[in-house]
Amino acid sequence: APLSRRLAAPSLAATPVPRFARSDFCLPCHQLPASAAVAGAPLLDTWREWAASPYLPAGVQCQHCHLADGDHLMGGAHDPEAVRRGVRLEAELRRDRDIAEVEIIVRNVAVGHHFPTTVTPRAVLRVRQLGADGPLTGTEATWALGRTVRFDRGSWTQLADTRVPAGGVARRRYRWRLSPRAVAVEVDLHLFPDWHYSTFYRAHLARPALPAEAREALSGAAAEAAKSGFAVAVRRLPVSPAATP
């Protein structure tokens, strides 16, 4: 027989397994037990967040998003387009004489769990005034959307939890004196998928007695983690001329 025929792989029959398409298949790796709770919730609580969301009664499984069309890449927080489909940024600017008031809403419209779900990613909402040549110093305000924890003396402590549940919203308000040079107010939402790792690496790099090989490895890891951030959405709101008294 020709060599090509002898080397050809035999055809294999695939048998669908229904459990592989259900969210409970994801549970063992994406949920810690209640005994590991920190401030009432385990640090890995993704399956339970999904189970408490509108997606469970609607029959929407984890695989519908993370394995859509058979795609096994499962980028999650590292997939900018997937994140942009799941989160919506809204902003409205009102001017009162020389004061700018911006109402900001971050909507979790299609993420089947909290945004972000674990302590590793961090979303940052930023508002700043823009002049003709770019951002104006002293006009910036930022808010973190995420879960902040600290490990100290053998246990975890939660410092803050500002995540957005599935179907929920986060509201923030920017009230600031307008610079005479302001032509717009910019609102942007960034996601840093490896934020917690970055802080971990930086903390270890600050140790003076760190061996050279470990310092080199941590420096490389910190640089890679820092590159993973991206803009989810940006809104630029023109500043209208001040009303004549």
Protein backbone atom coordinates (compact mmCIF):
# COMPACT_ATOMS: atom_id res chain seq x y z
CA ALA A 1 0.00 0.00 0.00
CA PRO A 2 1.19 3.56 -0.59
CA LEU A 3 3.11 5.08 2.31
CA SER A 4 0.52 7.85 2.68
CA ARG A 5 -2.22 5.26 3.25
CA ARG A 6 -0.14 3.25 5.71
CA LEU A 7 0.68 6.37 7.78
CA ALA A 8 -2.85 7.79 7.77
CA ALA A 9 -4.50 7.85 11.20
CA PRO A 10 -7.61 5.70 11.49
CA SER A 11 -10.89 7.54 11.78
CA LEU A 12 -12.10 7.81 15.38
CA ALA A 13 -15.71 7.95 16.43
CA ALA A 14 -16.55 10.71 18.93
CA THR A 15 -19.27 10.12 21.48
CA PRO A 16 -20.77 13.25 23.06
CA VAL A 17 -20.84 13.19 26.87
CA PRO A 18 -23.67 15.44 28.12
CA ARG A 19 -21.92 16.17 31.44
CA PHE A 20 -19.04 17.85 29.59
CA ALA A 21 -21.50 20.54 28.46
CA ARG A 22 -22.81 21.32 31.96
CA SER A 23 -21.41 23.78 34.46
CA ASP A 24 -21.04 21.14 37.15
CA PHE A 25 -18.18 19.73 35.06
CA CYS A 26 -16.30 22.99 35.79
CA LEU A 27 -17.02 22.95 39.52
CA PRO A 28 -14.04 20.87 40.81
CA CYS A 29 -11.47 23.33 39.41
CA HIS A 30 -13.42 26.58 39.70
CA GLN A 31 -14.86 26.43 43.21
CA LEU A 32 -13.25 26.17 46.63
CA PRO A 33 -15.24 24.71 49.54
CA ALA A 34 -17.15 26.86 52.02
CA SER A 35 -14.60 25.88 54.66
CA ALA A 36 -12.09 28.05 52.76
CA ALA A 37 -14.29 31.16 52.96
CA VAL A 38 -12.78 34.61 53.47
CA ALA A 39 -15.36 37.17 54.63
CA GLY A 40 -18.13 34.75 53.68
CA ALA A 41 -16.89 33.63 50.26
CA PRO A 42 -13.97 31.45 49.10
CA LEU A 43 -11.28 33.20 47.07
CA LEU A 44 -12.28 30.97 44.17
CA ASP A 45 -16.08 31.17 44.12
CA THR A 46 -16.83 31.26 40.40
CA TRP A 47 -19.21 28.32 40.16
CA ARG A 48 -21.30 29.56 43.08
CA GLU A 49 -21.44 33.06 41.56
CA TRP A 50 -22.80 31.51 38.37
CA ALA A 51 -25.28 29.39 40.33
CA ALA A 52 -26.65 32.50 42.08
CA SER A 53 -26.96 34.44 38.81
CA PRO A 54 -29.83 34.61 36.29
CA TYR A 55 -27.86 32.27 34.01
CA LEU A 56 -28.56 29.04 35.88
CA PRO A 57 -32.40 29.25 35.65
CA ALA A 58 -32.03 30.36 32.03
CA GLY A 59 -30.02 27.21 31.27
CA VAL A 60 -26.89 29.12 30.20
CA GLN A 61 -23.85 26.99 31.07
CA CYS A 62 -20.20 28.02 31.47
CA GLN A 63 -19.43 26.24 28.20
CA HIS A 64 -21.78 28.49 26.21
CA CYS A 65 -19.26 31.33 26.59
CA HIS A 66 -15.95 29.66 27.42
CA LEU A 67 -16.27 26.88 24.83
CA ALA A 68 -18.41 28.69 22.26
CA ASP A 69 -18.42 26.92 18.89
CA GLY A 70 -16.01 24.32 20.26
CA ASP A 71 -13.26 26.89 20.90
CA HIS A 72 -10.97 25.48 23.62
CA LEU A 73 -8.76 28.56 24.01
CA MET A 74 -10.76 29.75 27.04
CA GLY A 75 -8.99 33.10 27.31
CA GLY A 76 -11.38 34.45 29.94
CA ALA A 77 -10.03 37.67 31.42
CA HIS A 78 -7.12 37.51 28.94
CA ASP A 79 -9.51 37.71 25.96
CA PRO A 80 -10.23 41.43 25.33
CA GLU A 81 -13.08 40.81 22.89
CA ALA A 82 -14.84 38.40 25.24
CA VAL A 83 -14.55 40.90 28.10
CA ARG A 84 -15.87 43.73 25.92
CA ARG A 85 -18.92 41.65 25.03
CA GLY A 86 -19.64 41.05 28.70
CA VAL A 87 -19.22 44.55 30.15
CA ARG A 88 -20.77 47.89 29.19
CA LEU A 89 -19.51 51.33 30.20
CA GLU A 90 -21.98 54.24 30.31
CA ALA A 91 -21.22 57.85 31.20
CA GLU A 92 -23.17 61.10 31.21
CA LEU A 93 -21.69 64.56 31.72
CA ARG A 94 -23.56 67.51 33.21
CA ARG A 95 -22.01 70.94 33.64
CA ASP A 96 -22.98 73.30 36.43
CA ARG A 97 -21.07 76.54 35.77
CA ASP A 98 -17.42 75.52 36.38
CA ILE A 99 -18.22 72.12 37.90
CA ALA A 100 -18.32 68.89 35.91
CA GLU A 101 -20.53 66.07 37.15
CA VAL A 102 -20.19 62.71 35.46
CA GLU A 103 -22.45 59.78 36.30
CA ILE A 104 -20.71 56.50 35.42
CA ILE A 105 -22.23 53.03 35.23
CA VAL A 106 -20.40 49.77 34.64
CA ARG A 107 -22.89 47.04 33.67
CA ASN A 108 -22.16 43.32 33.86
CA VAL A 109 -24.35 42.47 30.87
CA ALA A 110 -23.03 39.08 29.77
CA VAL A 111 -20.47 37.77 32.27
CA GLY A 112 -21.92 34.70 33.91
CA HIS A 113 -20.24 35.45 37.25
CA HIS A 114 -18.84 38.45 39.12
CA PHE A 115 -16.71 40.91 37.16
CA PRO A 116 -13.92 40.18 37.88
CA THR A 117 -14.51 36.79 39.47
CA THR A 118 -11.31 36.09 41.44
CA VAL A 119 -8.74 38.18 43.31
CA THR A 120 -6.29 37.92 40.38
CA PRO A 121 -7.78 40.40 37.85
CA ARG A 122 -8.44 44.04 38.69
CA ALA A 123 -10.61 46.45 36.72
CA VAL A 124 -9.82 50.15 37.06
CA LEU A 125 -12.29 52.90 36.22
CA ARG A 126 -10.66 56.24 35.49
CA VAL A 127 -12.05 59.73 34.82
CA ARG A 128 -9.91 62.68 33.77
CA GLN A 129 -10.22 65.98 31.94
CA LEU A 130 -8.60 66.45 28.56
CA GLY A 131 -7.14 69.59 27.06
CA ALA A 132 -6.25 70.17 23.45
CA ASP A 133 -2.86 68.51 24.04
CA GLY A 134 -3.95 65.60 26.24
CA PRO A 135 -4.76 64.80 29.91
CA LEU A 136 -4.79 67.67 32.38
CA THR A 137 -2.81 67.21 35.58
CA GLY A 138 -4.77 67.19 38.83
CA THR A 139 -8.11 66.22 37.32
CA GLU A 140 -7.95 62.42 37.58
CA ALA A 141 -10.07 60.13 39.77
CA THR A 142 -9.87 56.33 39.81
CA TRP A 143 -11.88 53.48 41.33
CA ALA A 144 -10.99 49.80 41.56
CA LEU A 145 -13.43 47.04 40.70
CA GLY A 146 -12.18 43.83 42.23
CA ARG A 147 -11.62 41.84 45.37
CA THR A 148 -8.68 42.94 47.51
CA VAL A 149 -7.25 40.49 50.04
CA ARG A 150 -4.15 40.19 52.18
CA PHE A 151 -2.34 37.14 53.51
CA ASP A 152 -0.92 37.79 56.96
CA ARG A 153 0.16 35.45 59.75
CA GLY A 154 -1.16 32.34 58.05
CA SER A 155 -4.61 33.55 57.03
CA TRP A 156 -6.39 35.67 54.43
CA THR A 157 -8.17 38.92 55.20
CA GLN A 158 -10.51 40.72 52.81
CA LEU A 159 -9.88 44.44 52.54
CA ALA A 160 -12.51 45.31 49.93
CA ASP A 161 -14.91 43.72 47.44
CA THR A 162 -16.14 46.08 44.73
CA ARG A 163 -16.88 43.51 42.01
CA VAL A 164 -20.00 43.63 39.84
CA PRO A 165 -22.27 40.54 40.09
CA ALA A 166 -23.76 38.94 36.98
CA GLY A 167 -26.53 41.23 35.76
CA GLY A 168 -25.50 43.92 38.25
CA VAL A 169 -24.14 47.45 37.99
CA ALA A 170 -21.47 49.56 39.63
CA ARG A 171 -22.18 53.30 39.88
CA ARG A 172 -19.58 55.99 40.43
CA ARG A 173 -19.80 59.79 40.42
CA TYR A 174 -17.12 62.28 39.36
CA ARG A 175 -17.61 65.85 40.58
CA TRP A 176 -14.69 68.12 39.82
CA ARG A 177 -13.92 71.72 39.04
CA LEU A 178 -13.45 72.10 35.31
CA SER A 179 -10.11 73.32 34.12
CA PRO A 180 -10.42 76.39 31.85
CA ARG A 181 -8.44 74.34 29.31
CA ALA A 182 -10.76 71.32 29.40
CA VAL A 183 -12.33 70.35 26.07
CA ALA A 184 -13.58 66.91 27.13
CA VAL A 185 -13.89 64.50 30.03
CA GLU A 186 -12.60 61.00 29.37
CA VAL A 187 -13.97 57.92 31.12
CA ASP A 188 -12.15 54.64 30.59
CA LEU A 189 -12.32 51.14 31.98
CA HIS A 190 -9.19 48.98 31.94
CA LEU A 191 -8.78 45.36 32.98
CA PHE A 192 -5.52 43.97 34.35
CA PRO A 193 -5.92 40.16 34.24
CA ASP A 194 -2.74 39.47 36.24
CA TRP A 195 -2.97 42.31 38.75
CA HIS A 196 -2.64 40.14 41.88
CA TYR A 197 0.37 38.33 40.43
CA SER A 198 1.99 41.68 39.62
CA THR A 199 1.67 42.86 43.22
CA PHE A 200 3.00 39.51 44.44
CA TYR A 201 6.07 39.74 42.18
CA ARG A 202 6.76 43.36 43.13
CA ALA A 203 6.56 42.52 46.84
CA HIS A 204 9.13 39.76 46.45
CA LEU A 205 11.40 41.89 44.27
CA ALA A 206 11.54 44.41 47.12
CA ARG A 207 13.31 41.85 49.33
CA PRO A 208 16.97 42.92 49.61
CA ALA A 209 18.35 39.39 50.12
CA LEU A 210 16.67 37.88 47.06
CA PRO A 211 19.08 35.62 45.12
CA ALA A 212 20.10 36.89 41.68
CA GLU A 213 18.46 33.98 39.81
CA ALA A 214 15.18 34.46 41.65
CA ARG A 215 15.29 38.21 41.01
CA GLU A 216 15.78 37.65 37.29
CA ALA A 217 12.93 35.15 37.12
CA LEU A 218 10.57 37.37 39.09
CA SER A 219 11.49 40.42 37.02
CA GLY A 220 10.61 38.54 33.84
CA ALA A 221 7.33 37.31 35.30
CA ALA A 222 6.45 40.81 36.52
CA ALA A 223 7.11 42.26 33.07
CA GLU A 224 4.87 39.65 31.42
CA ALA A 225 2.07 40.23 33.94
CA ALA A 226 2.25 43.97 33.42
CA LYS A 227 1.74 43.57 29.65
CA SER A 228 -1.58 41.75 30.01
CA GLY A 229 -3.68 44.87 30.73
CA PHE A 230 -6.01 46.32 28.10
CA ALA A 231 -8.75 48.91 27.64
CA VAL A 232 -12.26 47.51 27.90
CA ALA A 233 -14.05 50.72 26.92
CA VAL A 234 -13.38 54.46 26.56
CA ARG A 235 -15.94 57.29 26.53
CA ARG A 236 -15.03 60.88 25.65
CA LEU A 237 -17.59 63.46 26.68
CA PRO A 238 -17.23 66.94 25.09
CA VAL A 239 -17.34 69.86 27.51
CA SER A 240 -19.98 72.36 26.50
CA PRO A 241 -19.25 76.09 26.76
CA ALA A 242 -20.20 77.66 30.07
CA ALA A 243 -23.65 79.24 30.12
CA THR A 244 -23.75 83.03 30.02
CA PRO A 245 -24.92 84.40 33.43
